[in-house]
C-alpha atoms as a PDB file:
ATOM      1  CA  MET A   1      12.586 -18.089 -17.928  1.00  0.00           C
ATOM      2  CA  GLY A   2      14.634 -21.708 -17.736  1.00  0.00           C
ATOM      3  CA  ASP A   3      17.501 -19.587 -18.835  1.00  0.00           C
ATOM      4  CA  ALA A   4      17.128 -15.919 -16.663  1.00  0.00           C
ATOM      5  CA  GLN A   5      19.173 -14.202 -14.898  1.00  0.00           C
ATOM      6  CA  VAL A   6      18.597 -15.559 -11.619  1.00  0.00           C
ATOM      7  CA  TYR A   7      18.881 -12.998  -8.491  1.00  0.00           C
ATOM      8  CA  LYS A   8      19.308 -12.649  -4.163  1.00  0.00           C
ATOM      9  CA  VAL A   9      16.866 -11.066  -2.612  1.00  0.00           C
ATOM     10  CA  ARG A  10      16.434 -10.949   1.195  1.00  0.00           C
ATOM     11  CA  LEU A  11      13.813  -9.906   3.046  1.00  0.00           C
ATOM     12  CA  GLU A  12      14.503  -7.682   6.307  1.00  0.00           C
ATOM     13  CA  PRO A  13      12.796  -8.578   9.195  1.00  0.00           C
ATOM     14  CA  VAL A  14      11.750 -11.916   8.884  1.00  0.00           C
ATOM     15  CA  GLY A  15      15.091 -13.015   7.385  1.00  0.00           C
ATOM     16  CA  VAL A  16      13.688 -14.363   4.502  1.00  0.00           C
ATOM     17  CA  GLU A  17      15.474 -15.277   1.411  1.00  0.00           C
ATOM     18  CA  MET A  18      14.356 -16.499  -2.226  1.00  0.00           C
ATOM     19  CA  ASP A  19      14.730 -15.837  -5.673  1.00  0.00           C
ATOM     20  CA  VAL A  20      13.729 -13.470  -8.597  1.00  0.00           C
ATOM     21  CA  GLU A  21      14.039 -13.907 -12.487  1.00  0.00           C
ATOM     22  CA  GLU A  22      14.875 -11.531 -14.743  1.00  0.00           C
ATOM     23  CA  GLY A  23      11.492 -10.674 -16.196  1.00  0.00           C
ATOM     24  CA  GLU A  24       9.412 -11.303 -13.381  1.00  0.00           C
ATOM     25  CA  THR A  25       8.520  -8.893 -10.417  1.00  0.00           C
ATOM     26  CA  VAL A  26       9.741  -9.711  -7.048  1.00  0.00           C
ATOM     27  CA  LEU A  27       6.321 -10.248  -5.975  1.00  0.00           C
ATOM     28  CA  GLU A  28       5.034 -12.673  -8.738  1.00  0.00           C
ATOM     29  CA  ALA A  29       8.249 -14.577  -7.341  1.00  0.00           C
ATOM     30  CA  ALA A  30       7.262 -14.551  -4.014  1.00  0.00           C
ATOM     31  CA  PHE A  31       3.986 -15.882  -5.054  1.00  0.00           C
ATOM     32  CA  ARG A  32       5.527 -18.638  -7.255  1.00  0.00           C
ATOM     33  CA  GLN A  33       7.762 -19.652  -4.057  1.00  0.00           C
ATOM     34  CA  GLY A  34       5.021 -19.779  -1.835  1.00  0.00           C
ATOM     35  CA  ILE A  35       6.087 -16.875   0.154  1.00  0.00           C
ATOM     36  CA  ALA A  36       3.216 -14.954   1.917  1.00  0.00           C
ATOM     37  CA  LEU A  37       3.829 -10.734   1.046  1.00  0.00           C
ATOM     38  CA  MET A  38       1.636  -8.673   1.657  1.00  0.00           C
ATOM     39  CA  HIS A  39      -0.402  -7.742  -1.680  1.00  0.00           C
ATOM     40  CA  GLY A  40      -3.647  -6.296  -3.073  1.00  0.00           C
ATOM     41  CA  CYS A  41      -4.597  -4.608  -6.428  1.00  0.00           C
ATOM     42  CA  LYS A  42      -1.422  -6.038  -7.860  1.00  0.00           C
ATOM     43  CA  GLU A  43      -0.912  -3.481 -10.373  1.00  0.00           C
ATOM     44  CA  GLY A  44       0.597  -1.121  -8.622  1.00  0.00           C
ATOM     45  CA  GLN A  45      -2.549   0.906  -7.571  1.00  0.00           C
ATOM     46  CA  CYS A  46      -3.494   0.200  -4.011  1.00  0.00           C
ATOM     47  CA  GLY A  47       0.260  -0.075  -2.275  1.00  0.00           C
ATOM     48  CA  SER A  48      -0.711  -2.952   0.138  1.00  0.00           C
ATOM     49  CA  CYS A  49       2.617  -4.089  -0.837  1.00  0.00           C
ATOM     50  CA  LYS A  50       5.105  -0.487  -0.432  1.00  0.00           C
ATOM     51  CA  SER A  51       8.088  -1.432   0.740  1.00  0.00           C
ATOM     52  CA  ARG A  52      11.817   0.328   1.031  1.00  0.00           C
ATOM     53  CA  LEU A  53      15.204  -0.443  -0.982  1.00  0.00           C
ATOM     54  CA  ILE A  54      17.983  -1.279   1.214  1.00  0.00           C
ATOM     55  CA  GLY A  55      20.527  -2.335  -1.426  1.00  0.00           C
ATOM     56  CA  GLY A  56      20.573  -3.187  -5.183  1.00  0.00           C
ATOM     57  CA  ASP A  57      19.587  -2.224  -8.832  1.00  0.00           C
ATOM     58  CA  ILE A  58      15.801  -2.556 -10.079  1.00  0.00           C
ATOM     59  CA  GLU A  59      13.343  -0.897 -12.245  1.00  0.00           C
ATOM     60  CA  LEU A  60      10.327  -0.143 -11.498  1.00  0.00           C
ATOM     61  CA  LEU A  61       6.987  -0.984 -13.981  1.00  0.00           C
ATOM     62  CA  LYS A  62       4.398   2.030 -14.109  1.00  0.00           C
ATOM     63  CA  TYR A  63       2.712   2.654 -10.895  1.00  0.00           C
ATOM     64  CA  SER A  64       0.421   4.943  -9.514  1.00  0.00           C
ATOM     65  CA  THR A  65       1.883   7.957  -7.885  1.00  0.00           C
ATOM     66  CA  PHE A  66      -1.540   7.557  -5.185  1.00  0.00           C
ATOM     67  CA  ALA A  67      -0.045   4.058  -4.131  1.00  0.00           C
ATOM     68  CA  LEU A  68       2.828   5.745  -4.902  1.00  0.00           C
ATOM     69  CA  PRO A  69       3.692   9.196  -4.155  1.00  0.00           C
ATOM     70  CA  ASP A  70       6.641  10.953  -5.474  1.00  0.00           C
ATOM     71  CA  TYR A  71       8.354  11.574  -2.228  1.00  0.00           C
ATOM     72  CA  GLU A  72       8.312   8.818  -1.010  1.00  0.00           C
ATOM     73  CA  ARG A  73      10.048   7.352  -4.293  1.00  0.00           C
ATOM     74  CA  GLU A  74      12.574   9.392  -3.193  1.00  0.00           C
ATOM     75  CA  THR A  75      13.383   7.840   0.011  1.00  0.00           C
ATOM     76  CA  GLU A  76      13.412   4.286  -1.687  1.00  0.00           C
ATOM     77  CA  HIS A  77      10.066   2.698  -1.408  1.00  0.00           C
ATOM     78  CA  VAL A  78       9.189   0.541  -3.904  1.00  0.00           C
ATOM     79  CA  LEU A  79       5.586  -1.761  -4.880  1.00  0.00           C
ATOM     80  CA  LEU A  80       7.268  -5.057  -4.922  1.00  0.00           C
ATOM     81  CA  CYS A  81       4.123  -5.809  -7.737  1.00  0.00           C
ATOM     82  CA  ARG A  82       5.976  -3.194  -9.962  1.00  0.00           C
ATOM     83  CA  THR A  83       9.619  -4.095  -9.122  1.00  0.00           C
ATOM     84  CA  HIS A  84      11.695  -5.563 -11.356  1.00  0.00           C
ATOM     85  CA  ALA A  85      15.561  -6.422 -10.127  1.00  0.00           C
ATOM     86  CA  TYR A  86      18.731  -6.316 -12.000  1.00  0.00           C
ATOM     87  CA  SER A  87      20.886  -7.311  -8.777  1.00  0.00           C
ATOM     88  CA  ASP A  88      20.676  -8.918  -5.377  1.00  0.00           C
ATOM     89  CA  LEU A  89      18.241  -7.496  -3.172  1.00  0.00           C
ATOM     90  CA  GLU A  90      17.858  -6.412   0.005  1.00  0.00           C
ATOM     91  CA  ILE A  91      14.299  -5.558   0.793  1.00  0.00           C
ATOM     92  CA  GLU A  92      12.765  -4.341   3.812  1.00  0.00           C
ATOM     93  CA  LEU A  93       9.336  -4.892   4.504  1.00  0.00           C
ATOM     94  CA  LEU A  94       6.790  -2.518   5.930  1.00  0.00           C
ATOM     95  CA  ASN A  95       3.841  -4.603   6.647  1.00  0.00           C
ATOM     96  CA  PHE A  96       3.772  -8.058   6.805  1.00  0.00           C
ATOM     97  CA  ASP A  97       2.150 -11.205   9.003  1.00  0.00           C
ATOM     98  CA  GLU A  98       4.665 -13.820  10.145  1.00  0.00           C
ATOM     99  CA  GLU A  99       2.016 -16.075  10.415  1.00  0.00           C
ATOM    100  CA  LEU A 100       0.701 -16.194   6.566  1.00  0.00           C
ATOM    101  CA  LEU A 101       4.383 -16.000   6.205  1.00  0.00           C
ATOM    102  CA  SER A 102       4.830 -19.686   8.022  1.00  0.00           C
ATOM    103  CA  ARG A 103       1.447 -21.011   6.131  1.00  0.00           C
ATOM    104  CA  ALA A 104       1.188 -19.709   2.452  1.00  0.00           C
ATOM    105  CA  ILE A 105       0.803 -21.738  -0.880  1.00  0.00           C
ATOM    106  CA  PRO A 106       2.783 -21.151  -3.788  1.00  0.00           C
ATOM    107  CA  VAL A 107       0.308 -19.565  -6.756  1.00  0.00           C
ATOM    108  CA  LYS A 108       0.232 -22.297  -9.348  1.00  0.00           C
ATOM    109  CA  THR A 109      -2.041 -22.793 -12.872  1.00  0.00           C
ATOM    110  CA  TYR A 110      -5.336 -24.530 -13.717  1.00  0.00           C
ATOM    111  CA  SER A 111      -7.502 -26.037 -15.743  1.00  0.00           C
ATOM    112  CA  ALA A 112     -11.025 -25.555 -15.390  1.00  0.00           C
ATOM    113  CA  THR A 113     -14.395 -26.026 -17.049  1.00  0.00           C
ATOM    114  CA  VAL A 114     -17.839 -24.314 -16.109  1.00  0.00           C
ATOM    115  CA  ILE A 115     -20.085 -26.825 -14.791  1.00  0.00           C
ATOM    116  CA  GLU A 116     -22.830 -23.989 -14.360  1.00  0.00           C
ATOM    117  CA  THR A 117     -24.395 -19.920 -13.318  1.00  0.00           C
ATOM    118  CA  LYS A 118     -27.293 -19.563 -11.554  1.00  0.00           C
ATOM    119  CA  ALA A 119     -29.150 -16.303 -10.147  1.00  0.00           C
ATOM    120  CA  LEU A 120     -28.821 -15.079  -6.582  1.00  0.00           C
ATOM    121  CA  THR A 121     -30.306 -12.081  -6.841  1.00  0.00           C
ATOM    122  CA  HIS A 122     -31.039  -9.623  -9.677  1.00  0.00           C
ATOM    123  CA  ASP A 123     -27.161  -9.151 -10.096  1.00  0.00           C
ATOM    124  CA  ILE A 124     -25.811 -11.251  -7.729  1.00  0.00           C
ATOM    125  CA  ARG A 125     -24.563 -14.522  -9.432  1.00  0.00           C
ATOM    126  CA  GLN A 126     -23.008 -17.765  -8.801  1.00  0.00           C
ATOM    127  CA  LEU A 127     -20.504 -19.322 -11.136  1.00  0.00           C
ATOM    128  CA  ASP A 128     -19.425 -23.217 -10.065  1.00  0.00           C
ATOM    129  CA  ILE A 129     -16.258 -24.496 -11.866  1.00  0.00           C
ATOM    130  CA  GLU A 130     -14.477 -27.676 -11.845  1.00  0.00           C
ATOM    131  CA  LEU A 131     -10.621 -28.507 -12.358  1.00  0.00           C
ATOM    132  CA  ASP A 132      -8.456 -30.460 -13.754  1.00  0.00           C
ATOM    133  CA  LYS A 133      -6.254 -30.729 -10.311  1.00  0.00           C
ATOM    134  CA  PRO A 134      -6.804 -30.039  -6.524  1.00  0.00           C
ATOM    135  CA  LEU A 135      -6.123 -26.610  -5.471  1.00  0.00           C
ATOM    136  CA  ARG A 136      -4.763 -25.570  -2.064  1.00  0.00           C
ATOM    137  CA  PHE A 137      -5.820 -23.011  -0.585  1.00  0.00           C
ATOM    138  CA  TRP A 138      -7.425 -20.488   2.323  1.00  0.00           C
ATOM    139  CA  ALA A 139     -10.670 -19.154   3.537  1.00  0.00           C
ATOM    140  CA  GLY A 140     -11.133 -16.275   2.059  1.00  0.00           C
ATOM    141  CA  GLN A 141      -8.792 -15.679  -0.657  1.00  0.00           C
ATOM    142  CA  TYR A 142      -9.059 -15.797  -4.514  1.00  0.00           C
ATOM    143  CA  VAL A 143      -8.251 -16.592  -7.833  1.00  0.00           C
ATOM    144  CA  ASP A 144      -7.324 -15.221 -11.205  1.00  0.00           C
ATOM    145  CA  LEU A 145      -9.858 -16.869 -13.642  1.00  0.00           C
ATOM    146  CA  ALA A 146      -8.854 -16.251 -17.648  1.00  0.00           C
ATOM    147  CA  LEU A 147     -11.883 -17.314 -20.155  1.00  0.00           C
ATOM    148  CA  PRO A 148      -9.800 -17.355 -23.280  1.00  0.00           C
ATOM    149  CA  ALA A 149     -12.494 -17.430 -25.908  1.00  0.00           C
ATOM    150  CA  ALA A 150     -13.270 -14.031 -24.341  1.00  0.00           C
ATOM    151  CA  GLY A 151      -9.716 -12.624 -23.850  1.00  0.00           C
ATOM    152  CA  VAL A 152     -11.534 -11.266 -19.716  1.00  0.00           C
ATOM    153  CA  THR A 153      -9.070 -12.108 -17.201  1.00  0.00           C
ATOM    154  CA  ARG A 154     -10.636 -11.443 -13.244  1.00  0.00           C
ATOM    155  CA  SER A 155     -10.454 -11.711 -10.055  1.00  0.00           C
ATOM    156  CA  PHE A 156     -12.900 -13.734  -7.710  1.00  0.00           C
ATOM    157  CA  SER A 157     -12.674 -15.281  -3.918  1.00  0.00           C
ATOM    158  CA  MET A 158     -14.020 -17.795  -3.491  1.00  0.00           C
ATOM    159  CA  SER A 159     -17.746 -18.764  -1.594  1.00  0.00           C
ATOM    160  CA  ASN A 160     -16.273 -22.630  -0.730  1.00  0.00           C
ATOM    161  CA  ALA A 161     -13.986 -23.326   1.746  1.00  0.00           C
ATOM    162  CA  PRO A 162     -11.412 -25.500   1.557  1.00  0.00           C
ATOM    163  CA  GLY A 163     -11.220 -29.200   1.220  1.00  0.00           C
ATOM    164  CA  ASP A 164     -13.570 -29.743  -2.210  1.00  0.00           C
ATOM    165  CA  ASP A 165     -10.758 -28.659  -3.626  1.00  0.00           C
ATOM    166  CA  ARG A 166     -11.677 -29.365  -7.138  1.00  0.00           C
ATOM    167  CA  ARG A 167     -14.567 -27.766  -7.720  1.00  0.00           C
ATOM    168  CA  LEU A 168     -14.865 -23.578  -6.243  1.00  0.00           C
ATOM    169  CA  SER A 169     -17.856 -21.742  -6.228  1.00  0.00           C
ATOM    170  CA  PHE A 170     -17.798 -17.841  -5.994  1.00  0.00           C
ATOM    171  CA  ILE A 171     -20.211 -15.246  -5.833  1.00  0.00           C
ATOM    172  CA  ILE A 172     -20.457 -12.240  -8.201  1.00  0.00           C
ATOM    173  CA  LYS A 173     -22.018  -9.340  -8.831  1.00  0.00           C
ATOM    174  CA  LYS A 174     -23.253  -8.537 -12.504  1.00  0.00           C
ATOM    175  CA  TYR A 175     -22.474  -5.291 -13.811  1.00  0.00           C
ATOM    176  CA  PRO A 176     -24.265  -3.710 -17.333  1.00  0.00           C
ATOM    177  CA  ASP A 177     -20.398  -3.856 -18.706  1.00  0.00           C
ATOM    178  CA  GLY A 178     -18.291  -6.378 -15.922  1.00  0.00           C
ATOM    179  CA  ALA A 179     -15.831  -7.318 -18.390  1.00  0.00           C
ATOM    180  CA  PHE A 180     -16.415 -10.782 -16.475  1.00  0.00           C
ATOM    181  CA  SER A 181     -20.044 -10.434 -15.100  1.00  0.00           C
ATOM    182  CA  SER A 182     -21.739  -9.574 -17.875  1.00  0.00           C
ATOM    183  CA  LEU A 183     -20.754 -12.787 -19.642  1.00  0.00           C
ATOM    184  CA  LEU A 184     -22.470 -14.582 -16.809  1.00  0.00           C
ATOM    185  CA  ASP A 185     -26.194 -15.026 -17.749  1.00  0.00           C
ATOM    186  CA  GLY A 186     -26.346 -16.911 -20.685  1.00  0.00           C
ATOM    187  CA  ALA A 187     -22.741 -16.098 -22.673  1.00  0.00           C
ATOM    188  CA  LEU A 188     -20.698 -18.748 -20.604  1.00  0.00           C
ATOM    189  CA  ALA A 189     -21.906 -21.917 -21.088  1.00  0.00           C
ATOM    190  CA  PRO A 190     -20.977 -25.495 -19.075  1.00  0.00           C
ATOM    191  CA  GLY A 191     -18.287 -26.935 -20.280  1.00  0.00           C
ATOM    192  CA  GLU A 192     -16.478 -23.503 -20.994  1.00  0.00           C
ATOM    193  CA  ALA A 193     -12.944 -23.328 -20.547  1.00  0.00           C
ATOM    194  CA  VAL A 194     -11.696 -21.480 -18.000  1.00  0.00           C
ATOM    195  CA  ALA A 195      -7.569 -20.490 -16.630  1.00  0.00           C
ATOM    196  CA  VAL A 196      -7.548 -20.692 -13.005  1.00  0.00           C
ATOM    197  CA  LYS A 197      -4.376 -18.896 -11.307  1.00  0.00           C
ATOM    198  CA  GLY A 198      -3.609 -18.770  -7.610  1.00  0.00           C
ATOM    199  CA  PRO A 199      -4.539 -18.978  -4.398  1.00  0.00           C
ATOM    200  CA  TYR A 200      -3.971 -15.064  -3.803  1.00  0.00           C
ATOM    201  CA  GLY A 201      -5.018 -13.011  -1.248  1.00  0.00           C
ATOM    202  CA  THR A 202      -3.888 -12.566   2.744  1.00  0.00           C
ATOM    203  CA  CYS A 203      -8.068 -11.637   3.951  1.00  0.00           C
ATOM    204  CA  SER A 204      -7.924 -15.574   5.029  1.00  0.00           C
ATOM    205  CA  ARG A 205      -9.818 -16.887   8.177  1.00  0.00           C
ATOM    206  CA  ARG A 206      -7.347 -16.994  11.186  1.00  0.00           C
ATOM    207  CA  ALA A 207      -7.099 -20.199  13.349  1.00  0.00           C
ATOM    208  CA  GLY A 208      -6.731 -20.475  16.954  1.00  0.00           C
ATOM    209  CA  ARG A 209      -8.451 -17.747  18.149  1.00  0.00           C
ATOM    210  CA  SER A 210     -11.286 -17.614  21.118  1.00  0.00           C
ATOM    211  CA  GLY A 211     -11.894 -13.686  21.165  1.00  0.00           C
ATOM    212  CA  ALA A 212     -15.236 -12.755  18.748  1.00  0.00           C
ATOM    213  CA  MET A 213     -14.992 -13.240  15.246  1.00  0.00           C
ATOM    214  CA  VAL A 214     -16.437 -10.219  13.024  1.00  0.00           C
ATOM    215  CA  LEU A 215     -18.065 -10.276   9.475  1.00  0.00           C
ATOM    216  CA  VAL A 216     -18.796  -7.204   7.558  1.00  0.00           C
ATOM    217  CA  GLY A 217     -19.724  -7.596   4.369  1.00  0.00           C
ATOM    218  CA  GLY A 218     -22.204  -6.352   0.872  1.00  0.00           C
ATOM    219  CA  GLY A 219     -22.337  -7.386  -2.694  1.00  0.00           C
ATOM    220  CA  SER A 220     -20.092  -9.935  -3.565  1.00  0.00           C
ATOM    221  CA  GLY A 221     -19.050  -9.369  -0.815  1.00  0.00           C
ATOM    222  CA  MET A 222     -20.602 -12.784   0.570  1.00  0.00           C
ATOM    223  CA  SER A 223     -17.958 -14.774  -1.189  1.00  0.00           C
ATOM    224  CA  PRO A 224     -14.797 -14.940   0.864  1.00  0.00           C
ATOM    225  CA  LEU A 225     -17.376 -14.009   3.834  1.00  0.00           C
ATOM    226  CA  TRP A 226     -18.797 -17.361   3.085  1.00  0.00           C
ATOM    227  CA  SER A 227     -16.298 -18.933   2.755  1.00  0.00           C
ATOM    228  CA  ILE A 228     -14.372 -18.266   6.438  1.00  0.00           C
ATOM    229  CA  LEU A 229     -18.314 -18.373   7.551  1.00  0.00           C
ATOM    230  CA  THR A 230     -18.188 -21.874   6.558  1.00  0.00           C
ATOM    231  CA  ASP A 231     -14.776 -22.696   7.102  1.00  0.00           C
ATOM    232  CA  GLN A 232     -15.095 -21.755  10.818  1.00  0.00           C
ATOM    233  CA  ALA A 233     -18.582 -24.042  11.120  1.00  0.00           C
ATOM    234  CA  ARG A 234     -16.037 -26.600  10.184  1.00  0.00           C
ATOM    235  CA  SER A 235     -12.937 -26.171  12.637  1.00  0.00           C
ATOM    236  CA  GLY A 236     -14.556 -27.348  15.678  1.00  0.00           C
ATOM    237  CA  GLU A 237     -13.420 -24.316  17.382  1.00  0.00           C
ATOM    238  CA  SER A 238     -15.898 -22.145  19.728  1.00  0.00           C
ATOM    239  CA  ARG A 239     -15.860 -18.501  18.979  1.00  0.00           C
ATOM    240  CA  PRO A 240     -18.701 -15.928  19.394  1.00  0.00           C
ATOM    241  CA  VAL A 241     -19.242 -14.620  15.608  1.00  0.00           C
ATOM    242  CA  ARG A 242     -20.896 -11.532  14.591  1.00  0.00           C
ATOM    243  CA  PHE A 243     -21.507 -11.317  10.577  1.00  0.00           C
ATOM    244  CA  TYR A 244     -23.055  -8.215   9.835  1.00  0.00           C
ATOM    245  CA  TYR A 245     -23.875  -7.698   5.531  1.00  0.00           C
ATOM    246  CA  GLY A 246     -24.943  -5.029   3.689  1.00  0.00           C
ATOM    247  CA  ALA A 247     -27.733  -4.734   1.235  1.00  0.00           C
ATOM    248  CA  ARG A 248     -30.125  -1.846  -0.624  1.00  0.00           C
ATOM    249  CA  THR A 249     -33.268  -3.539  -0.447  1.00  0.00           C
ATOM    250  CA  LYS A 250     -34.985  -6.546   0.860  1.00  0.00           C
ATOM    251  CA  ALA A 251     -34.971  -8.176  -2.159  1.00  0.00           C
ATOM    252  CA  ASP A 252     -30.598  -8.268  -2.183  1.00  0.00           C
ATOM    253  CA  LEU A 253     -30.536 -10.073   0.486  1.00  0.00           C
ATOM    254  CA  PHE A 254     -30.070 -13.896  -0.123  1.00  0.00           C
ATOM    255  CA  MET A 255     -28.665 -17.397   1.128  1.00  0.00           C
ATOM    256  CA  LEU A 256     -30.288 -16.378   4.451  1.00  0.00           C
ATOM    257  CA  ASP A 257     -31.403 -20.073   4.726  1.00  0.00           C
ATOM    258  CA  GLU A 258     -27.617 -21.031   4.486  1.00  0.00           C
ATOM    259  CA  ILE A 259     -26.437 -18.237   6.633  1.00  0.00           C
ATOM    260  CA  ALA A 260     -29.323 -20.130   9.142  1.00  0.00           C
ATOM    261  CA  ALA A 261     -28.623 -22.967   8.800  1.00  0.00           C
ATOM    262  CA  ILE A 262     -24.509 -22.806   9.538  1.00  0.00           C
ATOM    263  CA  GLY A 263     -24.935 -20.686  12.335  1.00  0.00           C
ATOM    264  CA  GLU A 264     -26.720 -23.483  14.040  1.00  0.00           C
ATOM    265  CA  ARG A 265     -23.456 -25.112  14.063  1.00  0.00           C
ATOM    266  CA  ILE A 266     -21.969 -22.380  15.657  1.00  0.00           C
ATOM    267  CA  SER A 267     -22.876 -21.426  19.160  1.00  0.00           C
ATOM    268  CA  ASP A 268     -22.726 -18.256  19.423  1.00  0.00           C
ATOM    269  CA  PHE A 269     -23.815 -17.145  16.406  1.00  0.00           C
ATOM    270  CA  GLN A 270     -25.850 -13.327  15.286  1.00  0.00           C
ATOM    271  CA  PHE A 271     -25.925 -12.664  11.691  1.00  0.00           C
ATOM    272  CA  ILE A 272     -26.731  -8.681  11.428  1.00  0.00           C
ATOM    273  CA  PRO A 273     -28.805  -7.681   7.769  1.00  0.00           C
ATOM    274  CA  ALA A 274     -29.348  -4.233   6.913  1.00  0.00           C
ATOM    275  CA  LEU A 275     -31.334  -2.811   4.753  1.00  0.00           C
ATOM    276  CA  SER A 276     -29.767   1.046   2.977  1.00  0.00           C
ATOM    277  CA  HIS A 277     -33.021   1.570   0.648  1.00  0.00           C
ATOM    278  CA  GLY A 278     -35.656  -0.497   2.449  1.00  0.00           C
ATOM    279  CA  ALA A 279     -39.271  -0.130   0.946  1.00  0.00           C
ATOM    280  CA  PRO A 280     -42.086   0.385   2.843  1.00  0.00           C
ATOM    281  CA  ASP A 281     -43.560  -2.457   1.613  1.00  0.00           C
ATOM    282  CA  ASP A 282     -40.677  -4.801   2.590  1.00  0.00           C
ATOM    283  CA  GLY A 283     -42.035  -5.563   6.080  1.00  0.00           C
ATOM    284  CA  TRP A 284     -39.121  -5.367   7.353  1.00  0.00           C
ATOM    285  CA  GLU A 285     -38.251  -4.952  10.514  1.00  0.00           C
ATOM    286  CA  GLY A 286     -34.393  -5.543  11.561  1.00  0.00           C
ATOM    287  CA  GLU A 287     -31.222  -3.079  10.989  1.00  0.00           C
ATOM    288  CA  THR A 288     -32.085   0.061   8.568  1.00  0.00           C
ATOM    289  CA  GLY A 289     -28.951   2.264   6.943  1.00  0.00           C
ATOM    290  CA  LEU A 290     -25.232   1.374   5.799  1.00  0.00           C
ATOM    291  CA  ILE A 291     -23.873  -1.096   7.138  1.00  0.00           C
ATOM    292  CA  HIS A 292     -20.685   0.845   8.868  1.00  0.00           C
ATOM    293  CA  GLU A 293     -23.146   2.879  10.798  1.00  0.00           C
ATOM    294  CA  VAL A 294     -24.984  -0.285  11.999  1.00  0.00           C
ATOM    295  CA  VAL A 295     -21.387  -1.704  13.464  1.00  0.00           C
ATOM    296  CA  GLN A 296     -20.778   1.750  15.177  1.00  0.00           C
ATOM    297  CA  GLY A 297     -23.599   1.745  16.933  1.00  0.00           C
ATOM    298  CA  HIS A 298     -22.916  -1.760  17.888  1.00  0.00           C
ATOM    299  CA  LEU A 299     -19.482  -0.720  19.098  1.00  0.00           C
ATOM    300  CA  ARG A 300     -21.020   2.257  20.597  1.00  0.00           C
ATOM    301  CA  ALA A 301     -23.492   0.519  22.672  1.00  0.00           C
ATOM    302  CA  GLY A 302     -20.649  -2.833  23.849  1.00  0.00           C
ATOM    303  CA  ARG A 303     -22.136  -5.792  21.910  1.00  0.00           C
ATOM    304  CA  LEU A 304     -17.931  -6.485  20.682  1.00  0.00           C
ATOM    305  CA  ALA A 305     -16.407  -5.858  23.079  1.00  0.00           C
ATOM    306  CA  ASP A 306     -14.775  -9.005  23.596  1.00  0.00           C
ATOM    307  CA  ALA A 307     -13.567  -8.477  19.102  1.00  0.00           C
ATOM    308  CA  GLU A 308     -10.290  -9.820  18.320  1.00  0.00           C
ATOM    309  CA  ASP A 309     -10.279  -9.758  14.421  1.00  0.00           C
ATOM    310  CA  ALA A 310     -12.405  -8.964  11.665  1.00  0.00           C
ATOM    311  CA  TYR A 311     -13.045  -9.192   8.140  1.00  0.00           C
ATOM    312  CA  THR A 312     -14.728  -7.202   5.524  1.00  0.00           C
ATOM    313  CA  CYS A 313     -15.369  -7.344   2.181  1.00  0.00           C
ATOM    314  CA  GLY A 314     -17.152  -5.645  -0.200  1.00  0.00           C
ATOM    315  CA  PRO A 315     -17.419  -1.960  -2.735  1.00  0.00           C
ATOM    316  CA  PRO A 316     -14.376   0.411  -2.169  1.00  0.00           C
ATOM    317  CA  PRO A 317     -16.929   2.722  -0.438  1.00  0.00           C
ATOM    318  CA  MET A 318     -18.067   0.226   1.887  1.00  0.00           C
ATOM    319  CA  ILE A 319     -14.662  -0.496   3.050  1.00  0.00           C
ATOM    320  CA  ASP A 320     -13.566   3.122   3.467  1.00  0.00           C
ATOM    321  CA  ALA A 321     -16.579   3.639   5.596  1.00  0.00           C
ATOM    322  CA  VAL A 322     -15.825   0.251   7.753  1.00  0.00           C
ATOM    323  CA  LEU A 323     -12.446   0.009   8.358  1.00  0.00           C
ATOM    324  CA  PRO A 324     -12.355   3.506  10.442  1.00  0.00           C
ATOM    325  CA  VAL A 325     -15.115   2.299  12.246  1.00  0.00           C
ATOM    326  CA  LEU A 326     -13.438  -1.115  13.310  1.00  0.00           C
ATOM    327  CA  ARG A 327      -9.844   0.446  13.884  1.00  0.00           C
ATOM    328  CA  MET A 328     -12.073   2.745  16.561  1.00  0.00           C
ATOM    329  CA  SER A 329     -12.916  -0.685  18.365  1.00  0.00           C
ATOM    330  CA  SER A 330     -10.508  -3.098  20.412  1.00  0.00           C
ATOM    331  CA  ILE A 331      -9.336  -5.431  17.575  1.00  0.00           C
ATOM    332  CA  GLU A 332      -5.717  -4.762  17.078  1.00  0.00           C
ATOM    333  CA  PRO A 333      -5.145  -3.216  14.011  1.00  0.00           C
ATOM    334  CA  GLU A 334      -3.337  -5.653  12.473  1.00  0.00           C
ATOM    335  CA  HIS A 335      -6.043  -8.140  13.196  1.00  0.00           C
ATOM    336  CA  ILE A 336      -8.295  -5.904  11.044  1.00  0.00           C
ATOM    337  CA  TYR A 337      -8.738  -7.758   7.474  1.00  0.00           C
ATOM    338  CA  PHE A 338     -10.207  -6.479   4.236  1.00  0.00           C
ATOM    339  CA  ASP A 339     -10.488  -7.127   0.213  1.00  0.00           C
ATOM    340  CA  LYS A 340     -12.042  -4.265  -1.680  1.00  0.00           C
ATOM    341  CA  PHE A 341     -13.499  -5.679  -4.767  1.00  0.00           C
ATOM    342  CA  THR A 342     -13.701  -2.897  -7.963  1.00  0.00           C
ATOM    343  CA  PRO A 343     -15.034  -4.279 -11.054  1.00  0.00           C
ATOM    344  CA  ALA A 344     -13.354  -4.275 -14.423  1.00  0.00           C
ATOM    345  CA  THR A 345     -15.131  -2.679 -17.143  1.00  0.00           C
ATOM    346  CA  ARG A 346     -14.513  -3.510 -20.868  1.00  0.00           C
END
């Protein structure tokens, strides 16, 4: 984009100014310059980056009216991931996090190779890759992984904590028709090339808090939560941690030894797994039911009265059920962070 027209964008009420080049969206320009705007799908489907155009000329790429209904478009609301600038712009952010804005990391591209893949359960896989150069990220963030040979790009959250910044690990749910995940049982061989772009995501660990941290996950939602949990243990901060994880059966639980080991490094830690479809011969004596029901029961019993932050990651139905429960708690709405994991099919 070296010879492209460049426009100025002013973001209110935070008073941040940045450049946007012709041919890139406002959100892409923010990523490039390390300005952490709220975002989700990056494709005009979720509404996380919804803002209001105060002044300037734009064009919106195709988007879902679920994310931006017609009546909101009529009042100058826009999706930053779909907004191209054709003049200088002034935009009002409707949802922002000043702490994130102060510590954002520019999005960059990396070359990588596959180290190994391994099975954690019948449908959960771990993928390890090595980058050509270190990648800075915050625990809980994700990157886009592209397989040039297969023509597939998919977003996955890191499961490792920041620190070993050239080797990244991912916990991935395998779908029979998954555009990426179906390649994890043999088709993706060690040494295969992977293109990496990131980091992205606003569901990252916040430091310097004293109240309890609540983690709620299911399926491959373990990936960013494990990164956050590991980072918390390494931080040396002293705060209670409650980790809720939902699975269908006992066979769907994994990393139990690792969770127990890291729990010994946190002074006040509880891991609460729950089975929604436990078999009679499981010998299960723990919580049963859907994970949001378990969290709700603990809230009603006063077991989360000191909670200050909540992070929930997993499939959309789980997130949609957990969020109303968390919003009924004492946790401030701006301290509830989430990532919805949706499968990509061929």
